Amino acid sequence: MNSTLVIATLAAAVGLALSAPAHAQDKGGKPMNKEQQMTMERMTKNNLEQCYGIAARSKNDCAEGAHSCVGQATHDRDKASFVLLPKGDCQKIAGGSQKAS
């Protein structure tokens, strides 16, 4: 086999292998499900922000790493679950945070 062809094939394989993790990171590690996509669209359209740590049990809009999404918070004030609020309102609520903890 031609050594140039072998080297070119190997270089292409290494390039693809190295680009795969970066592509996964761009998507947050895994693709969004339908509920997550709808939540993100609602946030953008209505100028809302995520507010963690204030949702009542089963009343969250989504979560970060805790469960798949809407209405799945298992306890009140779950610091990994959020509700959507108008921008600027989260900081006015005791226990509200714009980041999951």
PDB file of N, CA and C in Angstrom:
ATOM      1  N   MET A   1       0.844  -1.170   0.000  1.00  0.00           N
ATOM      2  CA  MET A   1       0.000   0.000   0.000  1.00  0.00           C
ATOM      3  C   MET A   1       0.895   1.242   0.000  1.00  0.00           C
ATOM      4  N   ASN A   2       0.446   2.262  -0.619  1.00  0.00           N
ATOM      5  CA  ASN A   2       1.182   3.508  -0.714  1.00  0.00           C
ATOM      6  C   ASN A   2       1.260   4.160   0.668  1.00  0.00           C
ATOM      7  N   SER A   3       2.458   4.517   1.116  1.00  0.00           N
ATOM      8  CA  SER A   3       2.626   5.094   2.459  1.00  0.00           C
ATOM      9  C   SER A   3       1.937   6.450   2.588  1.00  0.00           C
ATOM     10  N   THR A   4       1.852   7.211   1.519  1.00  0.00           N
ATOM     11  CA  THR A   4       1.166   8.502   1.559  1.00  0.00           C
ATOM     12  C   THR A   4      -0.327   8.307   1.830  1.00  0.00           C
ATOM     13  N   LEU A   5      -0.909   7.293   1.216  1.00  0.00           N
ATOM     14  CA  LEU A   5      -2.320   6.993   1.427  1.00  0.00           C
ATOM     15  C   LEU A   5      -2.582   6.556   2.864  1.00  0.00           C
ATOM     16  N   VAL A   6      -1.690   5.747   3.411  1.00  0.00           N
ATOM     17  CA  VAL A   6      -1.829   5.286   4.793  1.00  0.00           C
ATOM     18  C   VAL A   6      -1.746   6.467   5.755  1.00  0.00           C
ATOM     19  N   ILE A   7      -0.792   7.348   5.545  1.00  0.00           N
ATOM     20  CA  ILE A   7      -0.617   8.514   6.420  1.00  0.00           C
ATOM     21  C   ILE A   7      -1.828   9.446   6.316  1.00  0.00           C
ATOM     22  N   ALA A   8      -2.329   9.666   5.112  1.00  0.00           N
ATOM     23  CA  ALA A   8      -3.493  10.538   4.928  1.00  0.00           C
ATOM     24  C   ALA A   8      -4.725   9.954   5.611  1.00  0.00           C
ATOM     25  N   THR A   9      -4.919   8.656   5.486  1.00  0.00           N
ATOM     26  CA  THR A   9      -6.056   7.994   6.124  1.00  0.00           C
ATOM     27  C   THR A   9      -5.958   8.084   7.637  1.00  0.00           C
ATOM     28  N   LEU A  10      -4.762   7.847   8.154  1.00  0.00           N
ATOM     29  CA  LEU A  10      -4.535   7.926   9.598  1.00  0.00           C
ATOM     30  C   LEU A  10      -4.778   9.346  10.115  1.00  0.00           C
ATOM     31  N   ALA A  11      -4.302  10.344   9.383  1.00  0.00           N
ATOM     32  CA  ALA A  11      -4.495  11.737   9.790  1.00  0.00           C
ATOM     33  C   ALA A  11      -5.982  12.100   9.806  1.00  0.00           C
ATOM     34  N   ALA A  12      -6.721  11.630   8.820  1.00  0.00           N
ATOM     35  CA  ALA A  12      -8.161  11.903   8.781  1.00  0.00           C
ATOM     36  C   ALA A  12      -8.872  11.248   9.955  1.00  0.00           C
ATOM     37  N   ALA A  13      -8.495  10.019  10.277  1.00  0.00           N
ATOM     38  CA  ALA A  13      -9.122   9.313  11.399  1.00  0.00           C
ATOM     39  C   ALA A  13      -8.842  10.018  12.718  1.00  0.00           C
ATOM     40  N   VAL A  14      -7.610  10.462  12.912  1.00  0.00           N
ATOM     41  CA  VAL A  14      -7.256  11.176  14.145  1.00  0.00           C
ATOM     42  C   VAL A  14      -8.019  12.496  14.224  1.00  0.00           C
ATOM     43  N   GLY A  15      -8.121  13.204  13.109  1.00  0.00           N
ATOM     44  CA  GLY A  15      -8.862  14.463  13.086  1.00  0.00           C
ATOM     45  C   GLY A  15     -10.327  14.285  13.455  1.00  0.00           C
ATOM     46  N   LEU A  16     -10.951  13.251  12.926  1.00  0.00           N
ATOM     47  CA  LEU A  16     -12.349  12.971  13.270  1.00  0.00           C
ATOM     48  C   LEU A  16     -12.504  12.599  14.734  1.00  0.00           C
ATOM     49  N   ALA A  17     -11.582  11.804  15.239  1.00  0.00           N
ATOM     50  CA  ALA A  17     -11.659  11.384  16.644  1.00  0.00           C
ATOM     51  C   ALA A  17     -11.508  12.571  17.584  1.00  0.00           C
ATOM     52  N   LEU A  18     -10.653  13.511  17.235  1.00  0.00           N
ATOM     53  CA  LEU A  18     -10.441  14.676  18.097  1.00  0.00           C
ATOM     54  C   LEU A  18     -11.584  15.679  18.014  1.00  0.00           C
ATOM     55  N   SER A  19     -12.283  15.727  16.897  1.00  0.00           N
ATOM     56  CA  SER A  19     -13.372  16.700  16.768  1.00  0.00           C
ATOM     57  C   SER A  19     -14.669  16.216  17.408  1.00  0.00           C
ATOM     58  N   ALA A  20     -14.842  14.940  17.617  1.00  0.00           N
ATOM     59  CA  ALA A  20     -16.080  14.407  18.191  1.00  0.00           C
ATOM     60  C   ALA A  20     -16.367  14.939  19.593  1.00  0.00           C
ATOM     61  N   PRO A  21     -15.393  14.954  20.530  1.00  0.00           N
ATOM     62  CA  PRO A  21     -15.696  15.498  21.863  1.00  0.00           C
ATOM     63  C   PRO A  21     -16.077  16.974  21.832  1.00  0.00           C
ATOM     64  N   ALA A  22     -15.442  17.757  20.974  1.00  0.00           N
ATOM     65  CA  ALA A  22     -15.776  19.180  20.883  1.00  0.00           C
ATOM     66  C   ALA A  22     -17.206  19.361  20.394  1.00  0.00           C
ATOM     67  N   HIS A  23     -17.620  18.552  19.443  1.00  0.00           N
ATOM     68  CA  HIS A  23     -18.999  18.627  18.936  1.00  0.00           C
ATOM     69  C   HIS A  23     -19.991  18.258  20.036  1.00  0.00           C
ATOM     70  N   ALA A  24     -19.674  17.256  20.835  1.00  0.00           N
ATOM     71  CA  ALA A  24     -20.552  16.857  21.937  1.00  0.00           C
ATOM     72  C   ALA A  24     -20.643  17.961  22.984  1.00  0.00           C
ATOM     73  N   GLN A  25     -19.535  18.652  23.253  1.00  0.00           N
ATOM     74  CA  GLN A  25     -19.555  19.737  24.234  1.00  0.00           C
ATOM     75  C   GLN A  25     -20.413  20.890  23.747  1.00  0.00           C
ATOM     76  N   ASP A  26     -20.399  21.161  22.446  1.00  0.00           N
ATOM     77  CA  ASP A  26     -21.242  22.222  21.899  1.00  0.00           C
ATOM     78  C   ASP A  26     -22.712  21.952  22.173  1.00  0.00           C
ATOM     79  N   LYS A  27     -23.097  20.695  22.225  1.00  0.00           N
ATOM     80  CA  LYS A  27     -24.486  20.320  22.463  1.00  0.00           C
ATOM     81  C   LYS A  27     -24.754  20.054  23.933  1.00  0.00           C
ATOM     82  N   GLY A  28     -23.809  20.392  24.808  1.00  0.00           N
ATOM     83  CA  GLY A  28     -24.017  20.148  26.228  1.00  0.00           C
ATOM     84  C   GLY A  28     -23.873  18.676  26.588  1.00  0.00           C
ATOM     85  N   GLY A  29     -23.221  17.898  25.757  1.00  0.00           N
ATOM     86  CA  GLY A  29     -22.979  16.499  26.052  1.00  0.00           C
ATOM     87  C   GLY A  29     -24.011  15.558  25.463  1.00  0.00           C
ATOM     88  N   LYS A  30     -25.248  16.001  25.336  1.00  0.00           N
ATOM     89  CA  LYS A  30     -26.284  15.165  24.726  1.00  0.00           C
ATOM     90  C   LYS A  30     -27.340  16.072  24.121  1.00  0.00           C
ATOM     91  N   PRO A  31     -28.053  15.588  23.124  1.00  0.00           N
ATOM     92  CA  PRO A  31     -29.066  16.431  22.483  1.00  0.00           C
ATOM     93  C   PRO A  31     -30.245  16.705  23.418  1.00  0.00           C
ATOM     94  N   MET A  32     -30.871  17.856  23.230  1.00  0.00           N
ATOM     95  CA  MET A  32     -32.033  18.216  24.047  1.00  0.00           C
ATOM     96  C   MET A  32     -33.253  17.408  23.613  1.00  0.00           C
ATOM     97  N   ASN A  33     -34.074  17.041  24.596  1.00  0.00           N
ATOM     98  CA  ASN A  33     -35.335  16.389  24.248  1.00  0.00           C
ATOM     99  C   ASN A  33     -36.359  17.465  23.878  1.00  0.00           C
ATOM    100  N   LYS A  34     -37.540  17.052  23.468  1.00  0.00           N
ATOM    101  CA  LYS A  34     -38.574  17.984  22.991  1.00  0.00           C
ATOM    102  C   LYS A  34     -38.974  19.003  24.065  1.00  0.00           C
ATOM    103  N   GLU A  35     -39.139  18.543  25.319  1.00  0.00           N
ATOM    104  CA  GLU A  35     -39.522  19.460  26.403  1.00  0.00           C
ATOM    105  C   GLU A  35     -38.447  20.516  26.631  1.00  0.00           C
ATOM    106  N   GLN A  36     -37.173  20.104  26.589  1.00  0.00           N
ATOM    107  CA  GLN A  36     -36.081  21.050  26.790  1.00  0.00           C
ATOM    108  C   GLN A  36     -36.028  22.064  25.657  1.00  0.00           C
ATOM    109  N   GLN A  37     -36.248  21.615  24.427  1.00  0.00           N
ATOM    110  CA  GLN A  37     -36.273  22.533  23.289  1.00  0.00           C
ATOM    111  C   GLN A  37     -37.392  23.555  23.439  1.00  0.00           C
ATOM    112  N   MET A  38     -38.559  23.108  23.859  1.00  0.00           N
ATOM    113  CA  MET A  38     -39.694  24.018  24.040  1.00  0.00           C
ATOM    114  C   MET A  38     -39.412  25.033  25.145  1.00  0.00           C
ATOM    115  N   THR A  39     -38.768  24.588  26.228  1.00  0.00           N
ATOM    116  CA  THR A  39     -38.421  25.494  27.322  1.00  0.00           C
ATOM    117  C   THR A  39     -37.454  26.568  26.839  1.00  0.00           C
ATOM    118  N   MET A  40     -36.443  26.171  26.074  1.00  0.00           N
ATOM    119  CA  MET A  40     -35.467  27.135  25.568  1.00  0.00           C
ATOM    120  C   MET A  40     -36.121  28.131  24.602  1.00  0.00           C
ATOM    121  N   GLU A  41     -37.013  27.652  23.759  1.00  0.00           N
ATOM    122  CA  GLU A  41     -37.721  28.548  22.837  1.00  0.00           C
ATOM    123  C   GLU A  41     -38.585  29.547  23.605  1.00  0.00           C
ATOM    124  N   ARG A  42     -39.262  29.068  24.644  1.00  0.00           N
ATOM    125  CA  ARG A  42     -40.105  29.945  25.467  1.00  0.00           C
ATOM    126  C   ARG A  42     -39.263  31.005  26.174  1.00  0.00           C
ATOM    127  N   MET A  43     -38.081  30.599  26.657  1.00  0.00           N
ATOM    128  CA  MET A  43     -37.171  31.548  27.318  1.00  0.00           C
ATOM    129  C   MET A  43     -36.785  32.675  26.374  1.00  0.00           C
ATOM    130  N   THR A  44     -36.361  32.300  25.183  1.00  0.00           N
ATOM    131  CA  THR A  44     -35.901  33.282  24.210  1.00  0.00           C
ATOM    132  C   THR A  44     -37.037  34.199  23.760  1.00  0.00           C
ATOM    133  N   LYS A  45     -38.160  33.615  23.442  1.00  0.00           N
ATOM    134  CA  LYS A  45     -39.296  34.379  22.912  1.00  0.00           C
ATOM    135  C   LYS A  45     -39.849  35.376  23.926  1.00  0.00           C
ATOM    136  N   ASN A  46     -39.912  34.989  25.204  1.00  0.00           N
ATOM    137  CA  ASN A  46     -40.567  35.808  26.224  1.00  0.00           C
ATOM    138  C   ASN A  46     -39.613  36.548  27.155  1.00  0.00           C
ATOM    139  N   ASN A  47     -38.309  36.562  26.822  1.00  0.00           N
ATOM    140  CA  ASN A  47     -37.308  37.274  27.621  1.00  0.00           C
ATOM    141  C   ASN A  47     -37.300  36.786  29.074  1.00  0.00           C
ATOM    142  N   LEU A  48     -37.217  35.468  29.240  1.00  0.00           N
ATOM    143  CA  LEU A  48     -37.233  34.849  30.563  1.00  0.00           C
ATOM    144  C   LEU A  48     -35.845  34.356  30.936  1.00  0.00           C
ATOM    145  N   GLU A  49     -35.652  34.085  32.224  1.00  0.00           N
ATOM    146  CA  GLU A  49     -34.393  33.511  32.698  1.00  0.00           C
ATOM    147  C   GLU A  49     -34.685  32.334  33.624  1.00  0.00           C
ATOM    148  N   GLN A  50     -33.700  31.472  33.774  1.00  0.00           N
ATOM    149  CA  GLN A  50     -33.826  30.325  34.667  1.00  0.00           C
ATOM    150  C   GLN A  50     -33.558  30.778  36.096  1.00  0.00           C
ATOM    151  N   CYS A  51     -34.408  30.357  37.026  1.00  0.00           N
ATOM    152  CA  CYS A  51     -34.218  30.678  38.442  1.00  0.00           C
ATOM    153  C   CYS A  51     -34.244  29.367  39.227  1.00  0.00           C
ATOM    154  N   TYR A  52     -33.084  28.980  39.751  1.00  0.00           N
ATOM    155  CA  TYR A  52     -32.925  27.726  40.485  1.00  0.00           C
ATOM    156  C   TYR A  52     -33.233  27.920  41.964  1.00  0.00           C
ATOM    157  N   GLY A  53     -33.681  26.853  42.601  1.00  0.00           N
ATOM    158  CA  GLY A  53     -33.831  26.839  44.049  1.00  0.00           C
ATOM    159  C   GLY A  53     -35.132  27.395  44.595  1.00  0.00           C
ATOM    160  N   ILE A  54     -36.100  27.687  43.741  1.00  0.00           N
ATOM    161  CA  ILE A  54     -37.357  28.247  44.251  1.00  0.00           C
ATOM    162  C   ILE A  54     -38.587  27.444  43.842  1.00  0.00           C
ATOM    163  N   ALA A  55     -38.416  26.449  43.002  1.00  0.00           N
ATOM    164  CA  ALA A  55     -39.567  25.694  42.486  1.00  0.00           C
ATOM    165  C   ALA A  55     -40.187  24.810  43.559  1.00  0.00           C
ATOM    166  N   ALA A  56     -41.501  24.724  43.551  1.00  0.00           N
ATOM    167  CA  ALA A  56     -42.214  23.779  44.413  1.00  0.00           C
ATOM    168  C   ALA A  56     -42.093  22.384  43.798  1.00  0.00           C
ATOM    169  N   ARG A  57     -42.259  21.368  44.627  1.00  0.00           N
ATOM    170  CA  ARG A  57     -42.171  19.987  44.148  1.00  0.00           C
ATOM    171  C   ARG A  57     -43.133  19.790  42.978  1.00  0.00           C
ATOM    172  N   SER A  58     -42.632  19.213  41.921  1.00  0.00           N
ATOM    173  CA  SER A  58     -43.393  18.902  40.693  1.00  0.00           C
ATOM    174  C   SER A  58     -43.857  20.130  39.915  1.00  0.00           C
ATOM    175  N   LYS A  59     -43.357  21.319  40.238  1.00  0.00           N
ATOM    176  CA  LYS A  59     -43.785  22.541  39.557  1.00  0.00           C
ATOM    177  C   LYS A  59     -42.641  23.219  38.804  1.00  0.00           C
ATOM    178  N   ASN A  60     -41.538  22.504  38.585  1.00  0.00           N
ATOM    179  CA  ASN A  60     -40.395  23.095  37.900  1.00  0.00           C
ATOM    180  C   ASN A  60     -40.598  23.108  36.384  1.00  0.00           C
ATOM    181  N   ASP A  61     -39.881  24.016  35.709  1.00  0.00           N
ATOM    182  CA  ASP A  61     -39.919  24.064  34.249  1.00  0.00           C
ATOM    183  C   ASP A  61     -38.899  23.115  33.639  1.00  0.00           C
ATOM    184  N   CYS A  62     -37.778  22.913  34.312  1.00  0.00           N
ATOM    185  CA  CYS A  62     -36.756  21.987  33.834  1.00  0.00           C
ATOM    186  C   CYS A  62     -35.700  21.830  34.927  1.00  0.00           C
ATOM    187  N   ALA A  63     -34.545  21.245  34.589  1.00  0.00           N
ATOM    188  CA  ALA A  63     -33.495  21.030  35.583  1.00  0.00           C
ATOM    189  C   ALA A  63     -32.151  20.887  34.898  1.00  0.00           C
ATOM    190  N   GLU A  64     -31.113  20.885  35.697  1.00  0.00           N
ATOM    191  CA  GLU A  64     -29.768  20.699  35.189  1.00  0.00           C
ATOM    192  C   GLU A  64     -29.173  19.456  35.826  1.00  0.00           C
ATOM    193  N   GLY A  65     -29.185  18.357  35.101  1.00  0.00           N
ATOM    194  CA  GLY A  65     -28.564  17.129  35.555  1.00  0.00           C
ATOM    195  C   GLY A  65     -29.348  16.307  36.564  1.00  0.00           C
ATOM    196  N   ALA A  66     -30.429  16.827  37.105  1.00  0.00           N
ATOM    197  CA  ALA A  66     -31.164  16.111  38.151  1.00  0.00           C
ATOM    198  C   ALA A  66     -32.184  15.130  37.571  1.00  0.00           C
ATOM    199  N   HIS A  67     -32.851  15.514  36.515  1.00  0.00           N
ATOM    200  CA  HIS A  67     -33.871  14.687  35.874  1.00  0.00           C
ATOM    201  C   HIS A  67     -34.098  15.230  34.478  1.00  0.00           C
ATOM    202  N   SER A  68     -35.006  14.666  33.755  1.00  0.00           N
ATOM    203  CA  SER A  68     -35.132  15.043  32.346  1.00  0.00           C
ATOM    204  C   SER A  68     -35.797  16.394  32.110  1.00  0.00           C
ATOM    205  N   CYS A  69     -36.823  16.765  32.890  1.00  0.00           N
ATOM    206  CA  CYS A  69     -37.381  18.100  32.638  1.00  0.00           C
ATOM    207  C   CYS A  69     -38.626  18.414  33.452  1.00  0.00           C
ATOM    208  N   VAL A  70     -39.642  18.914  32.792  1.00  0.00           N
ATOM    209  CA  VAL A  70     -40.821  19.548  33.376  1.00  0.00           C
ATOM    210  C   VAL A  70     -41.538  18.699  34.426  1.00  0.00           C
ATOM    211  N   GLY A  71     -41.796  19.324  35.597  1.00  0.00           N
ATOM    212  CA  GLY A  71     -42.618  18.714  36.629  1.00  0.00           C
ATOM    213  C   GLY A  71     -42.019  17.518  37.340  1.00  0.00           C
ATOM    214  N   GLN A  72     -40.703  17.336  37.281  1.00  0.00           N
ATOM    215  CA  GLN A  72     -40.096  16.155  37.882  1.00  0.00           C
ATOM    216  C   GLN A  72     -39.292  16.444  39.145  1.00  0.00           C
ATOM    217  N   ALA A  73     -39.330  17.657  39.662  1.00  0.00           N
ATOM    218  CA  ALA A  73     -38.639  17.957  40.920  1.00  0.00           C
ATOM    219  C   ALA A  73     -39.272  17.135  42.035  1.00  0.00           C
ATOM    220  N   THR A  74     -38.446  16.488  42.846  1.00  0.00           N
ATOM    221  CA  THR A  74     -38.971  15.595  43.887  1.00  0.00           C
ATOM    222  C   THR A  74     -39.140  16.276  45.236  1.00  0.00           C
ATOM    223  N   HIS A  75     -38.610  17.494  45.395  1.00  0.00           N
ATOM    224  CA  HIS A  75     -38.812  18.226  46.644  1.00  0.00           C
ATOM    225  C   HIS A  75     -38.817  19.732  46.380  1.00  0.00           C
ATOM    226  N   ASP A  76     -39.385  20.478  47.302  1.00  0.00           N
ATOM    227  CA  ASP A  76     -39.452  21.933  47.182  1.00  0.00           C
ATOM    228  C   ASP A  76     -38.054  22.537  47.224  1.00  0.00           C
ATOM    229  N   ARG A  77     -37.890  23.647  46.522  1.00  0.00           N
ATOM    230  CA  ARG A  77     -36.659  24.436  46.515  1.00  0.00           C
ATOM    231  C   ARG A  77     -35.437  23.619  46.086  1.00  0.00           C
ATOM    232  N   ASP A  78     -35.640  22.698  45.156  1.00  0.00           N
ATOM    233  CA  ASP A  78     -34.561  21.875  44.602  1.00  0.00           C
ATOM    234  C   ASP A  78     -33.554  22.789  43.906  1.00  0.00           C
ATOM    235  N   LYS A  79     -32.306  22.750  44.330  1.00  0.00           N
ATOM    236  CA  LYS A  79     -31.291  23.657  43.795  1.00  0.00           C
ATOM    237  C   LYS A  79     -30.831  23.284  42.385  1.00  0.00           C
ATOM    238  N   ALA A  80     -31.250  22.125  41.877  1.00  0.00           N
ATOM    239  CA  ALA A  80     -30.911  21.730  40.511  1.00  0.00           C
ATOM    240  C   ALA A  80     -32.068  21.963  39.544  1.00  0.00           C
ATOM    241  N   SER A  81     -33.235  22.295  40.060  1.00  0.00           N
ATOM    242  CA  SER A  81     -34.419  22.520  39.219  1.00  0.00           C
ATOM    243  C   SER A  81     -34.713  24.012  39.126  1.00  0.00           C
ATOM    244  N   PHE A  82     -35.235  24.420  37.971  1.00  0.00           N
ATOM    245  CA  PHE A  82     -35.532  25.842  37.815  1.00  0.00           C
ATOM    246  C   PHE A  82     -36.946  26.085  37.314  1.00  0.00           C
ATOM    247  N   VAL A  83     -37.381  27.313  37.527  1.00  0.00           N
ATOM    248  CA  VAL A  83     -38.599  27.832  36.911  1.00  0.00           C
ATOM    249  C   VAL A  83     -38.180  29.021  36.054  1.00  0.00           C
ATOM    250  N   LEU A  84     -38.980  29.351  35.077  1.00  0.00           N
ATOM    251  CA  LEU A  84     -38.692  30.495  34.220  1.00  0.00           C
ATOM    252  C   LEU A  84     -39.401  31.723  34.760  1.00  0.00           C
ATOM    253  N   LEU A  85     -38.644  32.801  34.882  1.00  0.00           N
ATOM    254  CA  LEU A  85     -39.171  34.073  35.381  1.00  0.00           C
ATOM    255  C   LEU A  85     -38.750  35.194  34.439  1.00  0.00           C
ATOM    256  N   PRO A  86     -39.461  36.315  34.448  1.00  0.00           N
ATOM    257  CA  PRO A  86     -39.002  37.464  33.673  1.00  0.00           C
ATOM    258  C   PRO A  86     -37.593  37.863  34.127  1.00  0.00           C
ATOM    259  N   LYS A  87     -36.761  38.258  33.176  1.00  0.00           N
ATOM    260  CA  LYS A  87     -35.379  38.622  33.509  1.00  0.00           C
ATOM    261  C   LYS A  87     -35.353  39.672  34.606  1.00  0.00           C
ATOM    262  N   GLY A  88     -34.485  39.444  35.597  1.00  0.00           N
ATOM    263  CA  GLY A  88     -34.316  40.357  36.713  1.00  0.00           C
ATOM    264  C   GLY A  88     -35.101  39.987  37.957  1.00  0.00           C
ATOM    265  N   ASP A  89     -36.107  39.127  37.836  1.00  0.00           N
ATOM    266  CA  ASP A  89     -36.939  38.772  38.992  1.00  0.00           C
ATOM    267  C   ASP A  89     -36.287  37.749  39.916  1.00  0.00           C
ATOM    268  N   CYS A  90     -35.453  36.872  39.400  1.00  0.00           N
ATOM    269  CA  CYS A  90     -34.870  35.804  40.216  1.00  0.00           C
ATOM    270  C   CYS A  90     -34.062  36.368  41.385  1.00  0.00           C
ATOM    271  N   GLN A  91     -33.288  37.388  41.123  1.00  0.00           N
ATOM    272  CA  GLN A  91     -32.438  37.959  42.178  1.00  0.00           C
ATOM    273  C   GLN A  91     -33.244  38.620  43.291  1.00  0.00           C
ATOM    274  N   LYS A  92     -34.518  38.869  43.069  1.00  0.00           N
ATOM    275  CA  LYS A  92     -35.381  39.492  44.077  1.00  0.00           C
ATOM    276  C   LYS A  92     -36.007  38.472  45.026  1.00  0.00           C
ATOM    277  N   ILE A  93     -35.868  37.178  44.719  1.00  0.00           N
ATOM    278  CA  ILE A  93     -36.514  36.122  45.503  1.00  0.00           C
ATOM    279  C   ILE A  93     -35.497  35.446  46.411  1.00  0.00           C
ATOM    280  N   ALA A  94     -35.823  35.325  47.698  1.00  0.00           N
ATOM    281  CA  ALA A  94     -34.929  34.666  48.655  1.00  0.00           C
ATOM    282  C   ALA A  94     -34.681  33.228  48.220  1.00  0.00           C
ATOM    283  N   GLY A  95     -33.417  32.856  48.108  1.00  0.00           N
ATOM    284  CA  GLY A  95     -33.047  31.502  47.707  1.00  0.00           C
ATOM    285  C   GLY A  95     -32.933  31.314  46.214  1.00  0.00           C
ATOM    286  N   GLY A  96     -33.320  32.308  45.429  1.00  0.00           N
ATOM    287  CA  GLY A  96     -33.245  32.204  43.976  1.00  0.00           C
ATOM    288  C   GLY A  96     -31.828  32.392  43.477  1.00  0.00           C
ATOM    289  N   SER A  97     -31.433  31.593  42.504  1.00  0.00           N
ATOM    290  CA  SER A  97     -30.098  31.669  41.923  1.00  0.00           C
ATOM    291  C   SER A  97     -30.195  31.420  40.426  1.00  0.00           C
ATOM    292  N   GLN A  98     -29.360  32.095  39.660  1.00  0.00           N
ATOM    293  CA  GLN A  98     -29.366  31.888  38.217  1.00  0.00           C
ATOM    294  C   GLN A  98     -28.474  30.727  37.802  1.00  0.00           C
ATOM    295  N   LYS A  99     -27.855  30.057  38.775  1.00  0.00           N
ATOM    296  CA  LYS A  99     -27.005  28.895  38.497  1.00  0.00           C
ATOM    297  C   LYS A  99     -27.411  27.740  39.392  1.00  0.00           C
ATOM    298  N   ALA A 100     -27.362  26.540  38.835  1.00  0.00           N
ATOM    299  CA  ALA A 100     -27.649  25.339  39.629  1.00  0.00           C
ATOM    300  C   ALA A 100     -26.516  25.117  40.618  1.00  0.00           C
ATOM    301  N   SER A 101     -26.856  24.590  41.774  1.00  0.00           N
ATOM    302  CA  SER A 101     -25.793  24.300  42.752  1.00  0.00           C
ATOM    303  C   SER A 101     -25.920  22.906  43.297  1.00  0.00           C
TER     304      SER A 101
END
